Amino acid sequence: MYATGKVAFEDKTVYALVQCTRDLSANDCSMCLQSAIGDIPGCCYASIGARVWSRSCYLRYEFYPFYLGETESTSSSTNQGGKNKSSKIWMITAIAVGVVLVIIIIIFYLCFIRNWQRKNGQGNISNDFPFIDIGSLCVATKNFSDSNKLGQGGFGPVYKGILSDGMEVAIKRLSTCSEQGSEEFINEVMLILKLQHKNLVKLLGFCVDGEEKLLVYEYLPNGSLDVVLFEKSAHLDWTKRVDIINGIARGVLYLHEDSRLQIIHRDLKASNILLDCDMNPKISDFGMARIFAGSEGEANTTTIVGTYGYIAPEYAMEGLYSIKSDVFGFGVLLLEIITGKRNAGFCYSKSTSSLLAYVCVHKFVCS
């Protein structure tokens, strides 16, 4: 995809080369080169030769046949020897300046990493910063194939993946329309990575690549509680239901009181409780979680998030949320586990359009 040529100019000869990338058609190549030629008066008017690069094409012209391997020194007269020597000096100087700049950039980068490590308590970035490249995740999920799709969450689809070391993982691909920026996303991820409890889903890593934001979690083979509870309830005896309730309660208690910072989940529901191979519950999906530091106990917002049927009244009506909001959601979840009925789908009469309403009206008790 290149061409060369020469043409007489006064008492000299101009030698030229043009080239396009292989993805351009002949017409697109011509248009790209015409645009590059149009840039010459602005960039190279006073130059003896010129080199013009664009994204997809390139042109160069000189007063010597450079494309045949000749250099300016072999084709110029002896009186241009000083000019050639001067050009070499400038070239060496430019290279030296470039090397110095690269070294300075590397030093600043290393200082930034060191400060980041000190700020976030990271001793070894290669061990404690679990970034996974997008290529590995594409391979793990067969390029996010529908056959690997586990489900659809509120912030994007979830896929099953197998990493290069054979580990099975669940990969959440956040929607590209999310307003969360990459820096804020990474800060949130690094916080969640520090949450360690047997009743919380473990975050193994993450990826940020342009608009792509992905979270890599441990894979739990028994899926979400809502499927097991409402579609396969016969598999859950009372002992197992009590174990699941206790496990969820321990996870919520850790978030509210035992973790380094007080965390409000804000979306406790059956589909956000995952079950491992032994049917032990693990709280997942911290996309709407909020962190309280110090003596903060509640907050107010004009943006109500969560799932209908699990949202506390004061949060739904006034935007006021606290740990009580999670306790309310846990209470609804508790009733669903006991009865095996969905709160929103339960309809006993016109006056009891939900499981929660039925319990309030009839003071329903299970023993």
Foldseek 3Di string as FASTA:
>chain_A
DKDKDWDDDVPFIKIKMKDWDPVDDPVRSVVVVVVQVVCCCVPPVPHQKDWTDDPTMIMIMHRDHVVVVDDPVVPDDPVCVVVVVVVVVVVVVVVVVVVVVVVVVVVVVVVVVVVVCVVLVNDDCVPLAFEDEPVQQCQFQVNVDPVQWPAADPFATWGWGAGPVGAIKIKGKGDLPDPDDPVNVSVVVSVLCPDDDPQAWHWRHWYDDPSITMTITHDAVQAFQLCCLQVVVVVDDPVLLVQQLVSVVVVLCCLQPVDPWRKAQLADDRNQWTAHPVGHTHGDDSPPMDTDDDPDFKDADPDRDYDPPLADPCCVPGVIDGSVRVVSSSVQRSQCSVVSDAQQPDDDDPQRNGPVSVCVVVVDDDD
